C-alpha atoms as a PDB file:
ATOM      1  CA  MET A   1      80.136  86.040 154.980  1.00  0.00           C
ATOM      2  CA  LEU A   2      77.012  87.470 156.583  1.00  0.00           C
ATOM      3  CA  GLY A   3      76.969  89.057 160.004  1.00  0.00           C
ATOM      4  CA  VAL A   4      75.169  91.429 162.332  1.00  0.00           C
ATOM      5  CA  VAL A   5      76.822  94.666 163.404  1.00  0.00           C
ATOM      6  CA  LEU A   6      76.993  94.731 167.201  1.00  0.00           C
ATOM      7  CA  TRP A   7      78.753  98.096 167.468  1.00  0.00           C
ATOM      8  CA  SER A   8      79.958 100.777 165.090  1.00  0.00           C
ATOM      9  CA  ASP A   9      81.547 104.188 165.458  1.00  0.00           C
ATOM     10  CA  PRO A  10      81.634 106.302 162.278  1.00  0.00           C
ATOM     11  CA  SER A  11      83.892 108.899 163.918  1.00  0.00           C
ATOM     12  CA  GLU A  12      86.477 106.213 164.799  1.00  0.00           C
ATOM     13  CA  ARG A  13      85.693 104.410 161.521  1.00  0.00           C
ATOM     14  CA  LYS A  14      85.375 101.024 163.247  1.00  0.00           C
ATOM     15  CA  ALA A  15      82.790  98.289 163.727  1.00  0.00           C
ATOM     16  CA  VAL A  16      82.386  94.913 165.439  1.00  0.00           C
ATOM     17  CA  ILE A  17      80.461  92.200 163.575  1.00  0.00           C
ATOM     18  CA  TRP A  18      78.941  88.957 164.841  1.00  0.00           C
ATOM     19  CA  CYS A  19      79.544  86.327 162.141  1.00  0.00           C
ATOM     20  CA  GLU A  20      77.049  83.809 160.804  1.00  0.00           C
ATOM     21  CA  ASP A  21      79.463  80.914 161.420  1.00  0.00           C
ATOM     22  CA  HIS A  22      79.299  81.629 165.182  1.00  0.00           C
ATOM     23  CA  GLY A  23      83.095  81.898 165.257  1.00  0.00           C
ATOM     24  CA  ASP A  24      85.002  84.802 166.753  1.00  0.00           C
ATOM     25  CA  LEU A  25      83.749  88.328 166.161  1.00  0.00           C
ATOM     26  CA  ALA A  26      85.087  90.181 163.115  1.00  0.00           C
ATOM     27  CA  TYR A  27      86.506  93.678 163.436  1.00  0.00           C
ATOM     28  CA  PHE A  28      86.314  96.362 160.770  1.00  0.00           C
ATOM     29  CA  SER A  29      88.670  99.326 160.736  1.00  0.00           C
ATOM     30  CA  ASP A  30      89.321 101.547 157.751  1.00  0.00           C
ATOM     31  CA  SER A  31      93.025 101.438 158.599  1.00  0.00           C
ATOM     32  CA  ASP A  32      93.021  97.704 157.701  1.00  0.00           C
ATOM     33  CA  SER A  33      92.569  98.401 154.001  1.00  0.00           C
ATOM     34  CA  ASP A  34      95.964  98.128 152.277  1.00  0.00           C
ATOM     35  CA  GLY A  35      97.424 101.247 153.884  1.00  0.00           C
ATOM     36  CA  ALA A  36      94.863 103.591 152.344  1.00  0.00           C
ATOM     37  CA  ALA A  37      91.946 104.996 154.325  1.00  0.00           C
ATOM     38  CA  ALA A  38      88.720 103.418 153.171  1.00  0.00           C
ATOM     39  CA  GLU A  39      85.371 105.088 153.263  1.00  0.00           C
ATOM     40  CA  MET A  40      83.407 104.053 156.358  1.00  0.00           C
ATOM     41  CA  PRO A  41      80.388 102.166 155.084  1.00  0.00           C
ATOM     42  CA  GLU A  42      77.008 103.281 156.344  1.00  0.00           C
ATOM     43  CA  ILE A  43      76.526 100.537 158.915  1.00  0.00           C
ATOM     44  CA  ASP A  44      75.027 100.759 162.381  1.00  0.00           C
ATOM     45  CA  ALA A  45      74.381  98.337 165.227  1.00  0.00           C
ATOM     46  CA  GLY A  46      71.644  95.904 164.211  1.00  0.00           C
ATOM     47  CA  ASP A  47      72.379  96.024 160.473  1.00  0.00           C
ATOM     48  CA  LEU A  48      72.761  92.792 158.531  1.00  0.00           C
ATOM     49  CA  VAL A  49      75.963  93.008 156.471  1.00  0.00           C
ATOM     50  CA  ASP A  50      77.872  90.973 153.911  1.00  0.00           C
ATOM     51  CA  PHE A  51      81.665  91.180 154.085  1.00  0.00           C
ATOM     52  CA  ASP A  52      84.935  89.486 153.196  1.00  0.00           C
ATOM     53  CA  LEU A  53      86.541  87.727 156.149  1.00  0.00           C
ATOM     54  CA  CYS A  54      90.311  87.684 156.652  1.00  0.00           C
ATOM     55  CA  GLN A  55      92.218  85.942 159.430  1.00  0.00           C
ATOM     56  CA  ASP A  56      95.040  88.039 160.889  1.00  0.00           C
ATOM     57  CA  THR A  57      97.139  86.072 163.405  1.00  0.00           C
ATOM     58  CA  HIS A  58      94.658  85.974 166.330  1.00  0.00           C
ATOM     59  CA  LEU A  59      92.032  88.355 164.963  1.00  0.00           C
ATOM     60  CA  ARG A  60      89.272  88.079 162.377  1.00  0.00           C
ATOM     61  CA  ARG A  61      88.972  91.155 160.186  1.00  0.00           C
ATOM     62  CA  ALA A  62      85.993  92.259 158.124  1.00  0.00           C
ATOM     63  CA  ARG A  63      86.839  93.856 154.793  1.00  0.00           C
ATOM     64  CA  ASN A  64      84.550  95.574 152.331  1.00  0.00           C
ATOM     65  CA  PRO A  65      81.374  95.396 154.488  1.00  0.00           C
ATOM     66  CA  ARG A  66      78.147  96.027 152.590  1.00  0.00           C
ATOM     67  CA  ARG A  67      74.823  96.639 154.313  1.00  0.00           C
ATOM     68  CA  ILE A  68      72.181  94.100 153.270  1.00  0.00           C
ATOM     69  CA  ASP A  69      69.349  95.162 155.587  1.00  0.00           C
ATOM     70  CA  GLN A  70      69.315  98.266 157.779  1.00  0.00           C
ATOM     71  CA  GLY A  71      68.173  97.711 161.375  1.00  0.00           C
ATOM     72  CA  ALA A  72      67.292  94.064 160.714  1.00  0.00           C
ATOM     73  CA  TYR A  73      68.385  93.074 164.233  1.00  0.00           C
ATOM     74  CA  ASP A  74      67.972  96.271 166.246  1.00  0.00           C
ATOM     75  CA  GLY A  75      68.654  95.660 169.915  1.00  0.00           C
ATOM     76  CA  ILE A  76      70.668  92.448 169.445  1.00  0.00           C
ATOM     77  CA  ALA A  77      73.664  93.844 171.346  1.00  0.00           C
ATOM     78  CA  SER A  78      71.547  94.718 174.391  1.00  0.00           C
ATOM     79  CA  ARG A  79      69.813  91.291 174.289  1.00  0.00           C
ATOM     80  CA  LEU A  80      73.227  89.622 174.273  1.00  0.00           C
ATOM     81  CA  GLN A  81      74.350  91.753 177.205  1.00  0.00           C
ATOM     82  CA  VAL A  82      71.242  90.781 179.201  1.00  0.00           C
ATOM     83  CA  ALA A  83      71.683  87.104 178.305  1.00  0.00           C
ATOM     84  CA  SER A  84      75.323  87.127 179.395  1.00  0.00           C
ATOM     85  CA  SER A  85      74.394  88.540 182.808  1.00  0.00           C
ATOM     86  CA  CYS A  86      71.820  85.786 183.456  1.00  0.00           C
ATOM     87  CA  PRO A  87      73.028  82.725 185.359  1.00  0.00           C
ATOM     88  CA  GLN A  88      73.672  79.830 182.991  1.00  0.00           C
ATOM     89  CA  PRO A  89      72.078  76.447 183.763  1.00  0.00           C
ATOM     90  CA  VAL A  90      74.699  73.855 184.650  1.00  0.00           C
ATOM     91  CA  ALA A  91      74.530  70.142 183.893  1.00  0.00           C
ATOM     92  CA  ALA A  92      74.296  67.678 186.779  1.00  0.00           C
ATOM     93  CA  ASN A  93      78.022  66.910 186.636  1.00  0.00           C
ATOM     94  CA  GLN A  94      78.853  70.653 186.963  1.00  0.00           C
ATOM     95  CA  GLN A  95      81.324  70.415 184.067  1.00  0.00           C
ATOM     96  CA  GLN A  96      79.202  71.477 181.126  1.00  0.00           C
ATOM     97  CA  THR A  97      76.908  74.430 180.678  1.00  0.00           C
ATOM     98  CA  VAL A  98      73.733  74.133 178.668  1.00  0.00           C
ATOM     99  CA  ALA A  99      73.520  76.238 175.500  1.00  0.00           C
ATOM    100  CA  GLN A 100      71.234  79.242 175.576  1.00  0.00           C
ATOM    101  CA  VAL A 101      69.377  80.227 172.413  1.00  0.00           C
ATOM    102  CA  ILE A 102      69.025  83.949 171.746  1.00  0.00           C
ATOM    103  CA  PRO A 103      66.543  84.612 168.938  1.00  0.00           C
ATOM    104  CA  PHE A 104      67.407  87.033 166.167  1.00  0.00           C
ATOM    105  CA  ILE A 105      64.118  88.941 166.273  1.00  0.00           C
ATOM    106  CA  ARG A 106      63.445  90.814 163.062  1.00  0.00           C
ATOM    107  CA  GLU A 107      61.485  94.033 163.132  1.00  0.00           C
ATOM    108  CA  ARG A 108      59.702  93.198 159.884  1.00  0.00           C
ATOM    109  CA  ALA A 109      57.323  90.224 159.794  1.00  0.00           C
ATOM    110  CA  GLU A 110      58.095  89.229 156.188  1.00  0.00           C
ATOM    111  CA  ALA A 111      61.689  88.284 157.002  1.00  0.00           C
ATOM    112  CA  PRO A 112      62.493  84.744 158.198  1.00  0.00           C
ATOM    113  CA  ALA A 113      63.539  84.375 161.832  1.00  0.00           C
ATOM    114  CA  ARG A 114      66.984  83.082 162.768  1.00  0.00           C
ATOM    115  CA  ALA A 115      68.492  82.067 166.078  1.00  0.00           C
ATOM    116  CA  LEU A 116      71.890  82.161 167.646  1.00  0.00           C
ATOM    117  CA  VAL A 117      73.116  79.511 170.056  1.00  0.00           C
ATOM    118  CA  VAL A 118      75.424  80.732 172.805  1.00  0.00           C
ATOM    119  CA  VAL A 119      77.416  78.008 174.544  1.00  0.00           C
END
């Protein structure tokens, strides 16, 4: 699966990844790897990564993350934070919210643009 790293901490050897299927976030921790400490991959917030997805009871886990494009989506975490603090438009019946589209803005012009829909 592809995803964008929202947060990583090399000293804690952990990362949080936003998945391309718009499902729950995936969590990477080197302690998840068959009891043996895995090497923390060189991934930072904003990197596009490919990884194996495993479902663990109520948690999605990322295994074997590999960086595809460094800094491809720099600033995505802060854009999501700003978007979540903005009031959401509400439908006339007050029961449904309208989806908000947050663009995945690439730093390099040659790369195709993608968007994320937040409901």
